[in-house]
Amino acid sequence: MKLNQLITRRSKGKAAEALACKHLKENGLRLIEKNFHSRAGEIDLIMQDDNTLVFIEVRYRKNQDFGGAKASITPAKQQRIRKTALYYMQKKGEEFYARFDVLAMSGEGEQLTYEWIQNAF
């Protein structure tokens, strides 16, 4: 992969996360943290839904080729997200109800669609 392709890919990812965050806020969630990192991995968005901490994986695909956005979240990716969420909760030292959601986005411009999958894994 060339450097300019990598930069474009990262900027598209950040733009998708910003749109996802806006969409979820409009649906009642409150942002706690973006792009939380640990040695195990990264969580795109950590939000709150009433008394539940929601760990959200944002996936964007321009089209549905190769299964689309949802299909790109492998069991290994799910495990990394779980480990990172556990680290986050241990670091905070508080007890939380928690769930793992996916916000799958596809299309472009006016054709952009959102699929919010609560309790995805």
PDB file of N, CA and C in Angstrom:
ATOM      1  N   MET A   1       0.845  -1.177   0.000  1.00  0.00           N
ATOM      2  CA  MET A   1       0.000   0.000   0.000  1.00  0.00           C
ATOM      3  C   MET A   1       0.890   1.241   0.000  1.00  0.00           C
ATOM      4  N   LYS A   2       0.553   2.185  -0.832  1.00  0.00           N
ATOM      5  CA  LYS A   2       1.320   3.421  -0.922  1.00  0.00           C
ATOM      6  C   LYS A   2       0.923   4.365   0.206  1.00  0.00           C
ATOM      7  N   LEU A   3       1.829   5.293   0.522  1.00  0.00           N
ATOM      8  CA  LEU A   3       1.599   6.225   1.626  1.00  0.00           C
ATOM      9  C   LEU A   3       0.330   7.044   1.415  1.00  0.00           C
ATOM     10  N   ASN A   4       0.126   7.574   0.209  1.00  0.00           N
ATOM     11  CA  ASN A   4      -1.071   8.394  -0.004  1.00  0.00           C
ATOM     12  C   ASN A   4      -2.352   7.573   0.130  1.00  0.00           C
ATOM     13  N   GLN A   5      -2.307   6.280  -0.198  1.00  0.00           N
ATOM     14  CA  GLN A   5      -3.463   5.411   0.007  1.00  0.00           C
ATOM     15  C   GLN A   5      -3.721   5.214   1.498  1.00  0.00           C
ATOM     16  N   LEU A   6      -2.648   5.065   2.271  1.00  0.00           N
ATOM     17  CA  LEU A   6      -2.769   4.890   3.713  1.00  0.00           C
ATOM     18  C   LEU A   6      -3.363   6.138   4.357  1.00  0.00           C
ATOM     19  N   ILE A   7      -2.879   7.311   3.951  1.00  0.00           N
ATOM     20  CA  ILE A   7      -3.398   8.568   4.499  1.00  0.00           C
ATOM     21  C   ILE A   7      -4.876   8.713   4.159  1.00  0.00           C
ATOM     22  N   THR A   8      -5.231   8.431   2.919  1.00  0.00           N
ATOM     23  CA  THR A   8      -6.627   8.526   2.505  1.00  0.00           C
ATOM     24  C   THR A   8      -7.488   7.551   3.304  1.00  0.00           C
ATOM     25  N   ARG A   9      -7.004   6.348   3.497  1.00  0.00           N
ATOM     26  CA  ARG A   9      -7.746   5.342   4.253  1.00  0.00           C
ATOM     27  C   ARG A   9      -7.955   5.786   5.699  1.00  0.00           C
ATOM     28  N   ARG A  10      -6.913   6.322   6.316  1.00  0.00           N
ATOM     29  CA  ARG A  10      -7.032   6.797   7.705  1.00  0.00           C
ATOM     30  C   ARG A  10      -7.991   7.969   7.805  1.00  0.00           C
ATOM     31  N   SER A  11      -7.905   8.907   6.862  1.00  0.00           N
ATOM     32  CA  SER A  11      -8.789  10.069   6.918  1.00  0.00           C
ATOM     33  C   SER A  11     -10.243   9.649   6.692  1.00  0.00           C
ATOM     34  N   LYS A  12     -10.476   8.664   5.832  1.00  0.00           N
ATOM     35  CA  LYS A  12     -11.835   8.147   5.643  1.00  0.00           C
ATOM     36  C   LYS A  12     -12.330   7.479   6.918  1.00  0.00           C
ATOM     37  N   GLY A  13     -11.442   6.758   7.590  1.00  0.00           N
ATOM     38  CA  GLY A  13     -11.811   6.113   8.844  1.00  0.00           C
ATOM     39  C   GLY A  13     -12.189   7.121   9.910  1.00  0.00           C
ATOM     40  N   LYS A  14     -11.419   8.186  10.021  1.00  0.00           N
ATOM     41  CA  LYS A  14     -11.717   9.234  11.005  1.00  0.00           C
ATOM     42  C   LYS A  14     -13.030   9.930  10.667  1.00  0.00           C
ATOM     43  N   ALA A  15     -13.258  10.182   9.380  1.00  0.00           N
ATOM     44  CA  ALA A  15     -14.511  10.816   8.958  1.00  0.00           C
ATOM     45  C   ALA A  15     -15.700   9.910   9.276  1.00  0.00           C
ATOM     46  N   ALA A  16     -15.554   8.612   9.032  1.00  0.00           N
ATOM     47  CA  ALA A  16     -16.626   7.658   9.338  1.00  0.00           C
ATOM     48  C   ALA A  16     -16.905   7.629  10.838  1.00  0.00           C
ATOM     49  N   GLU A  17     -15.858   7.656  11.656  1.00  0.00           N
ATOM     50  CA  GLU A  17     -16.043   7.659  13.109  1.00  0.00           C
ATOM     51  C   GLU A  17     -16.759   8.924  13.571  1.00  0.00           C
ATOM     52  N   ALA A  18     -16.431  10.059  12.966  1.00  0.00           N
ATOM     53  CA  ALA A  18     -17.099  11.314  13.327  1.00  0.00           C
ATOM     54  C   ALA A  18     -18.584  11.262  12.970  1.00  0.00           C
ATOM     55  N   LEU A  19     -18.907  10.750  11.789  1.00  0.00           N
ATOM     56  CA  LEU A  19     -20.308  10.611  11.386  1.00  0.00           C
ATOM     57  C   LEU A  19     -21.040   9.617  12.284  1.00  0.00           C
ATOM     58  N   ALA A  20     -20.377   8.532  12.626  1.00  0.00           N
ATOM     59  CA  ALA A  20     -20.972   7.527  13.505  1.00  0.00           C
ATOM     60  C   ALA A  20     -21.272   8.123  14.877  1.00  0.00           C
ATOM     61  N   CYS A  21     -20.327   8.870  15.412  1.00  0.00           N
ATOM     62  CA  CYS A  21     -20.500   9.496  16.721  1.00  0.00           C
ATOM     63  C   CYS A  21     -21.702  10.448  16.697  1.00  0.00           C
ATOM     64  N   LYS A  22     -21.787  11.248  15.662  1.00  0.00           N
ATOM     65  CA  LYS A  22     -22.910  12.181  15.510  1.00  0.00           C
ATOM     66  C   LYS A  22     -24.233  11.415  15.449  1.00  0.00           C
ATOM     67  N   HIS A  23     -24.271  10.362  14.667  1.00  0.00           N
ATOM     68  CA  HIS A  23     -25.485   9.544  14.524  1.00  0.00           C
ATOM     69  C   HIS A  23     -25.900   8.939  15.872  1.00  0.00           C
ATOM     70  N   LEU A  24     -24.940   8.416  16.605  1.00  0.00           N
ATOM     71  CA  LEU A  24     -25.251   7.791  17.893  1.00  0.00           C
ATOM     72  C   LEU A  24     -25.684   8.823  18.933  1.00  0.00           C
ATOM     73  N   LYS A  25     -25.065  10.001  18.920  1.00  0.00           N
ATOM     74  CA  LYS A  25     -25.501  11.073  19.822  1.00  0.00           C
ATOM     75  C   LYS A  25     -26.948  11.463  19.526  1.00  0.00           C
ATOM     76  N   GLU A  26     -27.278  11.547  18.238  1.00  0.00           N
ATOM     77  CA  GLU A  26     -28.649  11.879  17.841  1.00  0.00           C
ATOM     78  C   GLU A  26     -29.641  10.810  18.298  1.00  0.00           C
ATOM     79  N   ASN A  27     -29.137   9.617  18.567  1.00  0.00           N
ATOM     80  CA  ASN A  27     -29.975   8.517  19.035  1.00  0.00           C
ATOM     81  C   ASN A  27     -29.862   8.292  20.541  1.00  0.00           C
ATOM     82  N   GLY A  28     -29.343   9.291  21.257  1.00  0.00           N
ATOM     83  CA  GLY A  28     -29.402   9.273  22.710  1.00  0.00           C
ATOM     84  C   GLY A  28     -28.164   8.843  23.468  1.00  0.00           C
ATOM     85  N   LEU A  29     -27.093   8.465  22.781  1.00  0.00           N
ATOM     86  CA  LEU A  29     -25.878   8.071  23.484  1.00  0.00           C
ATOM     87  C   LEU A  29     -25.023   9.296  23.793  1.00  0.00           C
ATOM     88  N   ARG A  30     -24.205   9.171  24.826  1.00  0.00           N
ATOM     89  CA  ARG A  30     -23.306  10.257  25.231  1.00  0.00           C
ATOM     90  C   ARG A  30     -21.870   9.781  25.067  1.00  0.00           C
ATOM     91  N   LEU A  31     -21.061  10.593  24.389  1.00  0.00           N
ATOM     92  CA  LEU A  31     -19.664  10.232  24.140  1.00  0.00           C
ATOM     93  C   LEU A  31     -18.852  10.298  25.427  1.00  0.00           C
ATOM     94  N   ILE A  32     -18.091   9.240  25.681  1.00  0.00           N
ATOM     95  CA  ILE A  32     -17.165   9.189  26.807  1.00  0.00           C
ATOM     96  C   ILE A  32     -15.733   9.344  26.301  1.00  0.00           C
ATOM     97  N   GLU A  33     -15.384   8.571  25.272  1.00  0.00           N
ATOM     98  CA  GLU A  33     -14.003   8.595  24.772  1.00  0.00           C
ATOM     99  C   GLU A  33     -13.953   8.078  23.335  1.00  0.00           C
ATOM    100  N   LYS A  34     -12.994   8.611  22.572  1.00  0.00           N
ATOM    101  CA  LYS A  34     -12.751   8.156  21.197  1.00  0.00           C
ATOM    102  C   LYS A  34     -11.388   7.489  21.119  1.00  0.00           C
ATOM    103  N   ASN A  35     -11.289   6.475  20.294  1.00  0.00           N
ATOM    104  CA  ASN A  35     -10.014   5.828  19.969  1.00  0.00           C
ATOM    105  C   ASN A  35      -9.196   5.456  21.200  1.00  0.00           C
ATOM    106  N   PHE A  36      -9.796   4.686  22.085  1.00  0.00           N
ATOM    107  CA  PHE A  36      -9.093   4.216  23.275  1.00  0.00           C
ATOM    108  C   PHE A  36      -8.174   3.065  22.881  1.00  0.00           C
ATOM    109  N   HIS A  37      -6.901   3.170  23.263  1.00  0.00           N
ATOM    110  CA  HIS A  37      -5.892   2.169  22.901  1.00  0.00           C
ATOM    111  C   HIS A  37      -5.399   1.398  24.123  1.00  0.00           C
ATOM    112  N   SER A  38      -5.107   0.133  23.900  1.00  0.00           N
ATOM    113  CA  SER A  38      -4.362  -0.684  24.852  1.00  0.00           C
ATOM    114  C   SER A  38      -3.441  -1.578  24.032  1.00  0.00           C
ATOM    115  N   ARG A  39      -2.642  -2.383  24.711  1.00  0.00           N
ATOM    116  CA  ARG A  39      -1.774  -3.310  23.964  1.00  0.00           C
ATOM    117  C   ARG A  39      -2.593  -4.318  23.170  1.00  0.00           C
ATOM    118  N   ALA A  40      -3.795  -4.604  23.642  1.00  0.00           N
ATOM    119  CA  ALA A  40      -4.642  -5.597  22.969  1.00  0.00           C
ATOM    120  C   ALA A  40      -5.291  -5.053  21.704  1.00  0.00           C
ATOM    121  N   GLY A  41      -5.534  -3.737  21.668  1.00  0.00           N
ATOM    122  CA  GLY A  41      -6.207  -3.185  20.497  1.00  0.00           C
ATOM    123  C   GLY A  41      -6.750  -1.794  20.737  1.00  0.00           C
ATOM    124  N   GLU A  42      -7.753  -1.446  19.940  1.00  0.00           N
ATOM    125  CA  GLU A  42      -8.352  -0.118  19.999  1.00  0.00           C
ATOM    126  C   GLU A  42      -9.866  -0.244  19.971  1.00  0.00           C
ATOM    127  N   ILE A  43     -10.522   0.664  20.680  1.00  0.00           N
ATOM    128  CA  ILE A  43     -11.977   0.780  20.613  1.00  0.00           C
ATOM    129  C   ILE A  43     -12.271   2.138  19.996  1.00  0.00           C
ATOM    130  N   ASP A  44     -13.072   2.128  18.932  1.00  0.00           N
ATOM    131  CA  ASP A  44     -13.343   3.361  18.200  1.00  0.00           C
ATOM    132  C   ASP A  44     -14.072   4.385  19.055  1.00  0.00           C
ATOM    133  N   LEU A  45     -15.190   3.980  19.647  1.00  0.00           N
ATOM    134  CA  LEU A  45     -15.997   4.894  20.456  1.00  0.00           C
ATOM    135  C   LEU A  45     -16.419   4.199  21.745  1.00  0.00           C
ATOM    136  N   ILE A  46     -16.325   4.931  22.838  1.00  0.00           N
ATOM    137  CA  ILE A  46     -16.887   4.474  24.106  1.00  0.00           C
ATOM    138  C   ILE A  46     -17.954   5.497  24.456  1.00  0.00           C
ATOM    139  N   MET A  47     -19.186   5.008  24.580  1.00  0.00           N
ATOM    140  CA  MET A  47     -20.308   5.908  24.822  1.00  0.00           C
ATOM    141  C   MET A  47     -21.139   5.374  25.979  1.00  0.00           C
ATOM    142  N   GLN A  48     -22.057   6.188  26.449  1.00  0.00           N
ATOM    143  CA  GLN A  48     -22.927   5.781  27.544  1.00  0.00           C
ATOM    144  C   GLN A  48     -24.371   5.814  27.074  1.00  0.00           C
ATOM    145  N   ASP A  49     -25.102   4.755  27.400  1.00  0.00           N
ATOM    146  CA  ASP A  49     -26.527   4.640  27.109  1.00  0.00           C
ATOM    147  C   ASP A  49     -27.212   4.366  28.440  1.00  0.00           C
ATOM    148  N   ASP A  50     -27.792   5.386  29.028  1.00  0.00           N
ATOM    149  CA  ASP A  50     -28.332   5.324  30.385  1.00  0.00           C
ATOM    150  C   ASP A  50     -27.214   4.889  31.337  1.00  0.00           C
ATOM    151  N   ASN A  51     -27.360   3.733  31.994  1.00  0.00           N
ATOM    152  CA  ASN A  51     -26.323   3.293  32.938  1.00  0.00           C
ATOM    153  C   ASN A  51     -25.416   2.220  32.332  1.00  0.00           C
ATOM    154  N   THR A  52     -25.386   2.133  31.006  1.00  0.00           N
ATOM    155  CA  THR A  52     -24.588   1.118  30.322  1.00  0.00           C
ATOM    156  C   THR A  52     -23.456   1.763  29.537  1.00  0.00           C
ATOM    157  N   LEU A  53     -22.270   1.223  29.708  1.00  0.00           N
ATOM    158  CA  LEU A  53     -21.113   1.641  28.927  1.00  0.00           C
ATOM    159  C   LEU A  53     -21.140   0.858  27.618  1.00  0.00           C
ATOM    160  N   VAL A  54     -21.051   1.561  26.504  1.00  0.00           N
ATOM    161  CA  VAL A  54     -21.181   0.924  25.194  1.00  0.00           C
ATOM    162  C   VAL A  54     -19.860   1.062  24.443  1.00  0.00           C
ATOM    163  N   PHE A  55     -19.271  -0.073  24.104  1.00  0.00           N
ATOM    164  CA  PHE A  55     -18.031  -0.119  23.335  1.00  0.00           C
ATOM    165  C   PHE A  55     -18.427  -0.337  21.877  1.00  0.00           C
ATOM    166  N   ILE A  56     -18.061   0.611  21.022  1.00  0.00           N
ATOM    167  CA  ILE A  56     -18.583   0.609  19.658  1.00  0.00           C
ATOM    168  C   ILE A  56     -17.466   0.478  18.638  1.00  0.00           C
ATOM    169  N   GLU A  57     -17.638  -0.483  17.764  1.00  0.00           N
ATOM    170  CA  GLU A  57     -16.754  -0.665  16.613  1.00  0.00           C
ATOM    171  C   GLU A  57     -17.456  -0.048  15.405  1.00  0.00           C
ATOM    172  N   VAL A  58     -16.782   0.893  14.761  1.00  0.00           N
ATOM    173  CA  VAL A  58     -17.328   1.552  13.579  1.00  0.00           C
ATOM    174  C   VAL A  58     -16.696   0.914  12.350  1.00  0.00           C
ATOM    175  N   ARG A  59     -17.548   0.509  11.421  1.00  0.00           N
ATOM    176  CA  ARG A  59     -17.052  -0.085  10.179  1.00  0.00           C
ATOM    177  C   ARG A  59     -17.705   0.609   9.001  1.00  0.00           C
ATOM    178  N   TYR A  60     -16.890   1.011   8.053  1.00  0.00           N
ATOM    179  CA  TYR A  60     -17.390   1.651   6.835  1.00  0.00           C
ATOM    180  C   TYR A  60     -16.895   0.888   5.621  1.00  0.00           C
ATOM    181  N   ARG A  61     -17.793   0.653   4.713  1.00  0.00           N
ATOM    182  CA  ARG A  61     -17.448   0.086   3.418  1.00  0.00           C
ATOM    183  C   ARG A  61     -18.236   0.851   2.363  1.00  0.00           C
ATOM    184  N   LYS A  62     -17.566   1.186   1.302  1.00  0.00           N
ATOM    185  CA  LYS A  62     -18.219   1.923   0.220  1.00  0.00           C
ATOM    186  C   LYS A  62     -19.337   1.090  -0.402  1.00  0.00           C
ATOM    187  N   ASN A  63     -19.113  -0.225  -0.496  1.00  0.00           N
ATOM    188  CA  ASN A  63     -20.126  -1.104  -1.081  1.00  0.00           C
ATOM    189  C   ASN A  63     -20.165  -2.416  -0.298  1.00  0.00           C
ATOM    190  N   GLN A  64     -21.046  -3.284  -0.703  1.00  0.00           N
ATOM    191  CA  GLN A  64     -21.258  -4.541   0.020  1.00  0.00           C
ATOM    192  C   GLN A  64     -20.403  -5.696  -0.505  1.00  0.00           C
ATOM    193  N   ASP A  65     -19.453  -5.414  -1.377  1.00  0.00           N
ATOM    194  CA  ASP A  65     -18.569  -6.467  -1.877  1.00  0.00           C
ATOM    195  C   ASP A  65     -17.868  -7.145  -0.703  1.00  0.00           C
ATOM    196  N   PHE A  66     -17.647  -8.409  -0.809  1.00  0.00           N
ATOM    197  CA  PHE A  66     -16.948  -9.203   0.208  1.00  0.00           C
ATOM    198  C   PHE A  66     -17.662  -9.188   1.551  1.00  0.00           C
ATOM    199  N   GLY A  67     -18.988  -9.023   1.540  1.00  0.00           N
ATOM    200  CA  GLY A  67     -19.759  -9.110   2.770  1.00  0.00           C
ATOM    201  C   GLY A  67     -20.032  -7.789   3.452  1.00  0.00           C
ATOM    202  N   GLY A  68     -19.447  -6.714   2.998  1.00  0.00           N
ATOM    203  CA  GLY A  68     -19.729  -5.412   3.580  1.00  0.00           C
ATOM    204  C   GLY A  68     -19.078  -5.186   4.932  1.00  0.00           C
ATOM    205  N   ALA A  69     -19.538  -4.141   5.601  1.00  0.00           N
ATOM    206  CA  ALA A  69     -18.922  -3.688   6.846  1.00  0.00           C
ATOM    207  C   ALA A  69     -19.058  -4.698   7.980  1.00  0.00           C
ATOM    208  N   LYS A  70     -20.242  -5.266   8.146  1.00  0.00           N
ATOM    209  CA  LYS A  70     -20.469  -6.205   9.260  1.00  0.00           C
ATOM    210  C   LYS A  70     -19.574  -7.430   9.167  1.00  0.00           C
ATOM    211  N   ALA A  71     -19.414  -7.928   7.961  1.00  0.00           N
ATOM    212  CA  ALA A  71     -18.638  -9.158   7.765  1.00  0.00           C
ATOM    213  C   ALA A  71     -17.161  -8.976   8.076  1.00  0.00           C
ATOM    214  N   SER A  72     -16.715  -7.727   8.152  1.00  0.00           N
ATOM    215  CA  SER A  72     -15.290  -7.476   8.386  1.00  0.00           C
ATOM    216  C   SER A  72     -14.890  -7.574   9.857  1.00  0.00           C
ATOM    217  N   ILE A  73     -15.847  -7.807  10.745  1.00  0.00           N
ATOM    218  CA  ILE A  73     -15.536  -7.916  12.173  1.00  0.00           C
ATOM    219  C   ILE A  73     -15.389  -9.395  12.518  1.00  0.00           C
ATOM    220  N   THR A  74     -14.166  -9.845  12.483  1.00  0.00           N
ATOM    221  CA  THR A  74     -13.849 -11.255  12.688  1.00  0.00           C
ATOM    222  C   THR A  74     -13.906 -11.624  14.174  1.00  0.00           C
ATOM    223  N   PRO A  75     -13.966 -12.910  14.484  1.00  0.00           N
ATOM    224  CA  PRO A  75     -13.888 -13.323  15.895  1.00  0.00           C
ATOM    225  C   PRO A  75     -12.607 -12.821  16.580  1.00  0.00           C
ATOM    226  N   ALA A  76     -11.504 -12.781  15.861  1.00  0.00           N
ATOM    227  CA  ALA A  76     -10.253 -12.267  16.451  1.00  0.00           C
ATOM    228  C   ALA A  76     -10.391 -10.784  16.791  1.00  0.00           C
ATOM    229  N   LYS A  77     -11.035 -10.014  15.921  1.00  0.00           N
ATOM    230  CA  LYS A  77     -11.254  -8.587  16.181  1.00  0.00           C
ATOM    231  C   LYS A  77     -12.169  -8.421  17.392  1.00  0.00           C
ATOM    232  N   GLN A  78     -13.203  -9.227  17.479  1.00  0.00           N
ATOM    233  CA  GLN A  78     -14.102  -9.173  18.630  1.00  0.00           C
ATOM    234  C   GLN A  78     -13.345  -9.442  19.924  1.00  0.00           C
ATOM    235  N   GLN A  79     -12.460 -10.411  19.905  1.00  0.00           N
ATOM    236  CA  GLN A  79     -11.671 -10.748  21.090  1.00  0.00           C
ATOM    237  C   GLN A  79     -10.763  -9.590  21.496  1.00  0.00           C
ATOM    238  N   ARG A  80     -10.146  -8.930  20.528  1.00  0.00           N
ATOM    239  CA  ARG A  80      -9.293  -7.768  20.838  1.00  0.00           C
ATOM    240  C   ARG A  80     -10.116  -6.641  21.461  1.00  0.00           C
ATOM    241  N   ILE A  81     -11.316  -6.430  20.943  1.00  0.00           N
ATOM    242  CA  ILE A  81     -12.188  -5.391  21.496  1.00  0.00           C
ATOM    243  C   ILE A  81     -12.581  -5.752  22.929  1.00  0.00           C
ATOM    244  N   ARG A  82     -12.935  -6.998  23.171  1.00  0.00           N
ATOM    245  CA  ARG A  82     -13.296  -7.428  24.534  1.00  0.00           C
ATOM    246  C   ARG A  82     -12.140  -7.211  25.510  1.00  0.00           C
ATOM    247  N   LYS A  83     -10.942  -7.604  25.104  1.00  0.00           N
ATOM    248  CA  LYS A  83      -9.770  -7.433  25.976  1.00  0.00           C
ATOM    249  C   LYS A  83      -9.503  -5.959  26.252  1.00  0.00           C
ATOM    250  N   THR A  84      -9.639  -5.131  25.242  1.00  0.00           N
ATOM    251  CA  THR A  84      -9.413  -3.694  25.414  1.00  0.00           C
ATOM    252  C   THR A  84     -10.480  -3.093  26.318  1.00  0.00           C
ATOM    253  N   ALA A  85     -11.715  -3.529  26.182  1.00  0.00           N
ATOM    254  CA  ALA A  85     -12.799  -3.047  27.041  1.00  0.00           C
ATOM    255  C   ALA A  85     -12.559  -3.448  28.496  1.00  0.00           C
ATOM    256  N   LEU A  86     -12.115  -4.666  28.712  1.00  0.00           N
ATOM    257  CA  LEU A  86     -11.802  -5.127  30.065  1.00  0.00           C
ATOM    258  C   LEU A  86     -10.698  -4.265  30.676  1.00  0.00           C
ATOM    259  N   TYR A  87      -9.675  -3.980  29.901  1.00  0.00           N
ATOM    260  CA  TYR A  87      -8.591  -3.119  30.371  1.00  0.00           C
ATOM    261  C   TYR A  87      -9.132  -1.736  30.729  1.00  0.00           C
ATOM    262  N   TYR A  88      -9.995  -1.184  29.887  1.00  0.00           N
ATOM    263  CA  TYR A  88     -10.584   0.135  30.141  1.00  0.00           C
ATOM    264  C   TYR A  88     -11.345   0.135  31.469  1.00  0.00           C
ATOM    265  N   MET A  89     -12.170  -0.884  31.679  1.00  0.00           N
ATOM    266  CA  MET A  89     -12.970  -0.934  32.906  1.00  0.00           C
ATOM    267  C   MET A  89     -12.092  -1.128  34.138  1.00  0.00           C
ATOM    268  N   GLN A  90     -11.037  -1.941  34.023  1.00  0.00           N
ATOM    269  CA  GLN A  90     -10.114  -2.120  35.144  1.00  0.00           C
ATOM    270  C   GLN A  90      -9.383  -0.823  35.448  1.00  0.00           C
ATOM    271  N   LYS A  91      -9.001  -0.108  34.410  1.00  0.00           N
ATOM    272  CA  LYS A  91      -8.292   1.161  34.577  1.00  0.00           C
ATOM    273  C   LYS A  91      -9.171   2.193  35.284  1.00  0.00           C
ATOM    274  N   LYS A  92     -10.453   2.206  34.968  1.00  0.00           N
ATOM    275  CA  LYS A  92     -11.380   3.159  35.583  1.00  0.00           C
ATOM    276  C   LYS A  92     -11.710   2.777  37.021  1.00  0.00           C
ATOM    277  N   GLY A  93     -11.579   1.490  37.359  1.00  0.00           N
ATOM    278  CA  GLY A  93     -11.795   1.053  38.732  1.00  0.00           C
ATOM    279  C   GLY A  93     -13.232   1.136  39.202  1.00  0.00           C
ATOM    280  N   GLU A  94     -14.163   1.157  38.279  1.00  0.00           N
ATOM    281  CA  GLU A  94     -15.577   1.207  38.629  1.00  0.00           C
ATOM    282  C   GLU A  94     -16.277   0.015  37.991  1.00  0.00           C
ATOM    283  N   GLU A  95     -17.463  -0.285  38.510  1.00  0.00           N
ATOM    284  CA  GLU A  95     -18.250  -1.351  37.900  1.00  0.00           C
ATOM    285  C   GLU A  95     -19.223  -0.734  36.911  1.00  0.00           C
ATOM    286  N   PHE A  96     -19.342  -1.367  35.771  1.00  0.00           N
ATOM    287  CA  PHE A  96     -20.218  -0.878  34.716  1.00  0.00           C
ATOM    288  C   PHE A  96     -21.040  -2.028  34.156  1.00  0.00           C
ATOM    289  N   TYR A  97     -22.244  -1.722  33.722  1.00  0.00           N
ATOM    290  CA  TYR A  97     -22.920  -2.599  32.777  1.00  0.00           C
ATOM    291  C   TYR A  97     -22.261  -2.280  31.448  1.00  0.00           C
ATOM    292  N   ALA A  98     -22.060  -3.280  30.620  1.00  0.00           N
ATOM    293  CA  ALA A  98     -21.371  -3.026  29.353  1.00  0.00           C
ATOM    294  C   ALA A  98     -22.026  -3.811  28.230  1.00  0.00           C
ATOM    295  N   ARG A  99     -21.907  -3.260  27.036  1.00  0.00           N
ATOM    296  CA  ARG A  99     -22.334  -3.991  25.848  1.00  0.00           C
ATOM    297  C   ARG A  99     -21.420  -3.598  24.694  1.00  0.00           C
ATOM    298  N   PHE A 100     -21.457  -4.434  23.663  1.00  0.00           N
ATOM    299  CA  PHE A 100     -20.615  -4.236  22.488  1.00  0.00           C
ATOM    300  C   PHE A 100     -21.517  -4.051  21.274  1.00  0.00           C
ATOM    301  N   ASP A 101     -21.422  -2.873  20.676  1.00  0.00           N
ATOM    302  CA  ASP A 101     -22.229  -2.545  19.508  1.00  0.00           C
ATOM    303  C   ASP A 101     -21.342  -2.393  18.286  1.00  0.00           C
ATOM    304  N   VAL A 102     -21.962  -2.488  17.133  1.00  0.00           N
ATOM    305  CA  VAL A 102     -21.297  -2.218  15.859  1.00  0.00           C
ATOM    306  C   VAL A 102     -22.148  -1.195  15.126  1.00  0.00           C
ATOM    307  N   LEU A 103     -21.506  -0.189  14.575  1.00  0.00           N
ATOM    308  CA  LEU A 103     -22.190   0.726  13.669  1.00  0.00           C
ATOM    309  C   LEU A 103     -21.576   0.497  12.294  1.00  0.00           C
ATOM    310  N   ALA A 104     -22.338  -0.180  11.443  1.00  0.00           N
ATOM    311  CA  ALA A 104     -21.878  -0.493  10.089  1.00  0.00           C
ATOM    312  C   ALA A 104     -22.435   0.558   9.143  1.00  0.00           C
ATOM    313  N   MET A 105     -21.550   1.164   8.384  1.00  0.00           N
ATOM    314  CA  MET A 105     -21.937   2.212   7.446  1.00  0.00           C
ATOM    315  C   MET A 105     -21.549   1.773   6.044  1.00  0.00           C
ATOM    316  N   SER A 106     -22.408   2.114   5.092  1.00  0.00           N
ATOM    317  CA  SER A 106     -22.064   1.809   3.705  1.00  0.00           C
ATOM    318  C   SER A 106     -22.651   2.876   2.793  1.00  0.00           C
ATOM    319  N   GLY A 107     -22.089   2.960   1.585  1.00  0.00           N
ATOM    320  CA  GLY A 107     -22.526   3.955   0.620  1.00  0.00           C
ATOM    321  C   GLY A 107     -21.705   5.219   0.717  1.00  0.00           C
ATOM    322  N   GLU A 108     -22.148   6.231  -0.005  1.00  0.00           N
ATOM    323  CA  GLU A 108     -21.464   7.523  -0.017  1.00  0.00           C
ATOM    324  C   GLU A 108     -22.482   8.646  -0.119  1.00  0.00           C
ATOM    325  N   GLY A 109     -22.097   9.814   0.374  1.00  0.00           N
ATOM    326  CA  GLY A 109     -22.921  11.016   0.220  1.00  0.00           C
ATOM    327  C   GLY A 109     -24.349  10.809   0.684  1.00  0.00           C
ATOM    328  N   GLU A 110     -25.293  11.145  -0.195  1.00  0.00           N
ATOM    329  CA  GLU A 110     -26.718  11.011   0.119  1.00  0.00           C
ATOM    330  C   GLU A 110     -27.143   9.556   0.271  1.00  0.00           C
ATOM    331  N   GLN A 111     -26.342   8.639  -0.230  1.00  0.00           N
ATOM    332  CA  GLN A 111     -26.673   7.214  -0.182  1.00  0.00           C
ATOM    333  C   GLN A 111     -26.077   6.512   1.044  1.00  0.00           C
ATOM    334  N   LEU A 112     -25.461   7.272   1.954  1.00  0.00           N
ATOM    335  CA  LEU A 112     -24.851   6.684   3.144  1.00  0.00           C
ATOM    336  C   LEU A 112     -25.936   6.090   4.040  1.00  0.00           C
ATOM    337  N   THR A 113     -25.733   4.837   4.440  1.00  0.00           N
ATOM    338  CA  THR A 113     -26.689   4.179   5.329  1.00  0.00           C
ATOM    339  C   THR A 113     -25.976   3.727   6.603  1.00  0.00           C
ATOM    340  N   TYR A 114     -26.742   3.686   7.684  1.00  0.00           N
ATOM    341  CA  TYR A 114     -26.233   3.260   8.982  1.00  0.00           C
ATOM    342  C   TYR A 114     -27.003   2.020   9.426  1.00  0.00           C
ATOM    343  N   GLU A 115     -26.280   1.055   9.945  1.00  0.00           N
ATOM    344  CA  GLU A 115     -26.912  -0.089  10.594  1.00  0.00           C
ATOM    345  C   GLU A 115     -26.288  -0.219  11.978  1.00  0.00           C
ATOM    346  N   TRP A 116     -27.071   0.081  12.989  1.00  0.00           N
ATOM    347  CA  TRP A 116     -26.603   0.044  14.380  1.00  0.00           C
ATOM    348  C   TRP A 116     -27.014  -1.299  14.973  1.00  0.00           C
ATOM    349  N   ILE A 117     -26.032  -2.109  15.281  1.00  0.00           N
ATOM    350  CA  ILE A 117     -26.277  -3.442  15.821  1.00  0.00           C
ATOM    351  C   ILE A 117     -25.910  -3.420  17.304  1.00  0.00           C
ATOM    352  N   GLN A 118     -26.923  -3.422  18.149  1.00  0.00           N
ATOM    353  CA  GLN A 118     -26.697  -3.415  19.588  1.00  0.00           C
ATOM    354  C   GLN A 118     -26.472  -4.846  20.065  1.00  0.00           C
ATOM    355  N   ASN A 119     -25.618  -4.987  21.075  1.00  0.00           N
ATOM    356  CA  ASN A 119     -25.254  -6.323  21.585  1.00  0.00           C
ATOM    357  C   ASN A 119     -24.782  -7.219  20.446  1.00  0.00           C
ATOM    358  N   ALA A 120     -23.895  -6.692  19.631  1.00  0.00           N
ATOM    359  CA  ALA A 120     -23.449  -7.392  18.422  1.00  0.00           C
ATOM    360  C   ALA A 120     -22.658  -8.662  18.732  1.00  0.00           C
ATOM    361  N   PHE A 121     -21.934  -8.648  19.848  1.00  0.00           N
ATOM    362  CA  PHE A 121     -21.158  -9.837  20.230  1.00  0.00           C
ATOM    363  C   PHE A 121     -20.902  -9.835  21.712  1.00  0.00           C
TER     364      PHE A 121
END
